Amino acid sequence: MEKIIIQPDLCDGCHDCQEACARLHGASGILVREVEGSFYPIICQQCEGAPCQLICPTEAMTEKGIEEAKCIGCGLCMMVCPFGAVEIHERKAHKCDQCPDLGTPACVKACSKRAIAKVDTQKLQEEKQRQHIQKITGVGKGNRKSSDLINVMTARTRARKAAEKEA
């Protein structure tokens, strides 16, 4: 599954992402907020079992975005979003739909600092797992032998081995 991720430490608060989204959709699905001199892009996290979807009385909120014809602008979705990523603009709800018609979302293209990216979460998870395994075992480094593997034992196993040595 592909998902837009944010790296707030790279954001400089230029609002280019917000403007690109607004130009494309009429209202921005990404909001950049400043807190104590740091900038934080706020974007829909495409939640599983999304509260905005569950509470919508007209079923305008869907996994793919918002069906504007069904939206009555009641604001319930905005109130329950844990990220504050839903906005009411001209009596209609707006949130990021990840630009499904574009190869790369408008906000990602517009971000010169690369604070916003679209990644395959499954591939990201697999890479992180590979790096973790490599770190703890040395597998894949080429210059390590299998005898260098870290041995992990429970306290019970260590106690049993110590008792066997004494016997």
Protein backbone atom coordinates (compact mmCIF):
# COMPACT_ATOMS: atom_id res chain seq x y z
CA MET A 1 0.00 0.00 0.00
CA GLU A 2 1.32 3.42 -0.89
CA LYS A 3 0.97 6.22 1.61
CA ILE A 4 2.07 9.84 1.87
CA ILE A 5 4.52 10.33 4.72
CA ILE A 6 5.68 13.56 6.27
CA GLN A 7 9.12 14.43 7.66
CA PRO A 8 8.45 17.60 9.65
CA ASP A 9 12.14 18.15 10.40
CA LEU A 10 12.66 18.91 6.68
CA CYS A 11 9.68 21.29 6.32
CA ASP A 12 10.60 24.98 6.02
CA GLY A 13 7.02 26.29 6.07
CA CYS A 14 6.95 27.52 2.47
CA HIS A 15 3.33 26.30 1.98
CA ASP A 16 4.07 25.23 -1.63
CA CYS A 17 2.39 21.87 -0.93
CA GLN A 18 -0.75 23.59 0.35
CA GLU A 19 -0.92 25.90 -2.66
CA ALA A 20 -0.38 23.07 -5.18
CA CYS A 21 -3.14 21.03 -3.58
CA ALA A 22 -5.55 23.98 -3.52
CA ARG A 23 -4.84 24.74 -7.20
CA LEU A 24 -5.63 21.15 -8.14
CA HIS A 25 -8.62 20.49 -5.87
CA GLY A 26 -10.06 23.93 -5.12
CA ALA A 27 -9.23 23.55 -1.42
CA SER A 28 -6.11 22.15 0.19
CA GLY A 29 -6.08 18.68 1.71
CA ILE A 30 -2.80 19.48 3.47
CA LEU A 31 -2.31 22.13 6.12
CA VAL A 32 1.05 23.46 7.32
CA ARG A 33 1.02 24.60 10.94
CA GLU A 34 3.77 26.46 12.78
CA VAL A 35 4.52 25.65 16.41
CA GLU A 36 7.37 27.46 18.15
CA GLY A 37 9.29 28.07 14.93
CA SER A 38 8.90 24.53 13.54
CA PHE A 39 6.53 23.58 10.74
CA TYR A 40 4.26 20.57 10.69
CA PRO A 41 2.38 19.49 7.55
CA ILE A 42 -0.94 17.93 8.58
CA ILE A 43 -2.38 15.39 6.14
CA CYS A 44 -5.00 12.65 6.22
CA GLN A 45 -3.43 9.40 7.41
CA GLN A 46 -5.94 7.22 5.55
CA CYS A 47 -6.88 5.43 8.78
CA GLU A 48 -8.26 1.91 8.82
CA GLY A 49 -11.70 2.12 10.41
CA ALA A 50 -11.48 5.89 9.97
CA PRO A 51 -13.54 7.85 12.52
CA CYS A 52 -14.53 10.35 9.82
CA GLN A 53 -15.99 7.54 7.74
CA LEU A 54 -17.78 5.95 10.68
CA ILE A 55 -19.45 9.17 11.83
CA CYS A 56 -20.48 10.58 8.44
CA PRO A 57 -24.30 10.60 8.39
CA THR A 58 -24.50 10.69 4.58
CA GLU A 59 -21.66 8.22 3.86
CA ALA A 60 -19.88 10.94 1.90
CA MET A 61 -16.55 9.92 3.46
CA THR A 62 -15.07 6.91 1.71
CA GLU A 63 -11.72 5.16 1.62
CA LYS A 64 -11.01 6.99 -1.64
CA GLY A 65 -11.92 10.45 -0.43
CA ILE A 66 -15.10 12.49 -0.17
CA GLU A 67 -18.12 12.23 -2.42
CA GLU A 68 -18.89 15.95 -2.59
CA ALA A 69 -22.44 15.42 -3.87
CA LYS A 70 -23.29 13.56 -0.65
CA CYS A 71 -21.46 15.90 1.76
CA ILE A 72 -23.72 18.24 3.73
CA GLY A 73 -20.86 20.07 5.46
CA CYS A 74 -22.01 19.11 8.97
CA GLY A 75 -18.43 19.05 10.28
CA LEU A 76 -18.72 15.82 12.27
CA CYS A 77 -15.80 14.36 10.30
CA MET A 78 -13.67 17.36 11.18
CA MET A 79 -14.50 17.00 14.88
CA VAL A 80 -13.53 13.33 15.12
CA CYS A 81 -10.36 13.34 13.00
CA PRO A 82 -7.52 12.59 15.42
CA PHE A 83 -5.05 14.49 13.22
CA GLY A 84 -7.12 17.57 12.42
CA ALA A 85 -6.71 16.72 8.75
CA VAL A 86 -10.31 17.36 7.65
CA GLU A 87 -11.34 20.91 6.81
CA ILE A 88 -14.73 22.38 5.94
CA HIS A 89 -14.49 24.79 3.00
CA GLU A 90 -17.54 26.32 1.32
CA ARG A 91 -19.86 23.96 3.23
CA LYS A 92 -18.04 20.81 2.05
CA ALA A 93 -15.50 18.60 3.78
CA HIS A 94 -12.01 18.40 2.30
CA LYS A 95 -9.15 16.02 3.07
CA CYS A 96 -6.24 14.50 1.21
CA ASP A 97 -7.17 11.77 -1.26
CA GLN A 98 -3.51 11.19 -2.24
CA CYS A 99 -4.22 12.35 -5.82
CA PRO A 100 -5.15 8.91 -7.19
CA ASP A 101 -5.31 10.23 -10.77
CA LEU A 102 -1.71 11.46 -10.66
CA GLY A 103 1.42 9.33 -10.54
CA THR A 104 2.86 11.61 -7.89
CA PRO A 105 0.58 13.70 -5.64
CA ALA A 106 0.66 17.47 -6.18
CA CYS A 107 2.00 18.15 -2.67
CA VAL A 108 4.91 15.73 -3.18
CA LYS A 109 5.83 17.36 -6.50
CA ALA A 110 5.62 20.85 -4.99
CA CYS A 111 7.81 20.15 -1.94
CA SER A 112 11.32 21.32 -2.77
CA LYS A 113 12.67 20.17 0.62
CA ARG A 114 11.35 16.61 0.16
CA ALA A 115 9.52 16.79 3.48
CA ILE A 116 6.60 14.99 1.82
CA ALA A 117 6.96 11.67 0.01
CA LYS A 118 4.79 8.84 -1.22
CA VAL A 119 6.18 5.47 -0.21
CA ASP A 120 5.21 1.83 -0.45
CA THR A 121 4.70 1.02 3.22
CA GLN A 122 5.22 -2.73 2.71
CA LYS A 123 8.61 -2.16 1.03
CA LEU A 124 9.56 0.36 3.73
CA GLN A 125 8.71 -2.15 6.46
CA GLU A 126 10.70 -4.92 4.73
CA GLU A 127 13.74 -2.63 4.35
CA LYS A 128 13.61 -1.61 8.02
CA GLN A 129 13.37 -5.27 9.05
CA ARG A 130 16.32 -6.19 6.79
CA GLN A 131 18.42 -3.38 8.30
CA HIS A 132 17.50 -4.46 11.83
CA ILE A 133 18.39 -8.11 11.15
CA GLN A 134 21.65 -7.06 9.51
CA LYS A 135 22.50 -4.87 12.50
CA ILE A 136 21.94 -7.54 15.14
CA THR A 137 23.37 -10.49 13.24
CA GLY A 138 25.95 -9.12 10.84
CA VAL A 139 24.30 -11.11 8.05
CA GLY A 140 24.80 -9.39 4.72
CA LYS A 141 27.92 -7.44 5.70
CA GLY A 142 30.18 -9.87 3.85
CA ASN A 143 33.09 -9.82 6.29
CA ARG A 144 31.40 -11.51 9.22
CA LYS A 145 31.20 -15.23 9.85
CA SER A 146 28.18 -17.08 11.14
CA SER A 147 30.05 -17.61 14.44
CA ASP A 148 29.73 -13.88 15.07
CA LEU A 149 25.96 -14.10 15.40
CA ILE A 150 24.55 -12.69 18.59
CA ASN A 151 23.27 -15.40 20.90
CA VAL A 152 20.09 -14.44 22.65
CA MET A 153 19.14 -16.56 25.64
CA THR A 154 16.46 -16.34 28.24
CA ALA A 155 17.39 -16.20 31.92
CA ARG A 156 16.17 -19.78 32.33
CA THR A 157 18.43 -21.02 29.53
CA ARG A 158 21.47 -19.21 31.01
CA ALA A 159 20.75 -20.73 34.42
CA ARG A 160 20.42 -24.23 32.94
CA LYS A 161 23.72 -23.84 31.01
CA ALA A 162 25.50 -22.59 34.16
CA ALA A 163 24.15 -25.60 36.13
CA GLU A 164 25.34 -27.98 33.40
CA LYS A 165 28.87 -26.50 33.58
CA GLU A 166 28.98 -26.99 37.34
CA ALA A 167 27.82 -30.59 37.11
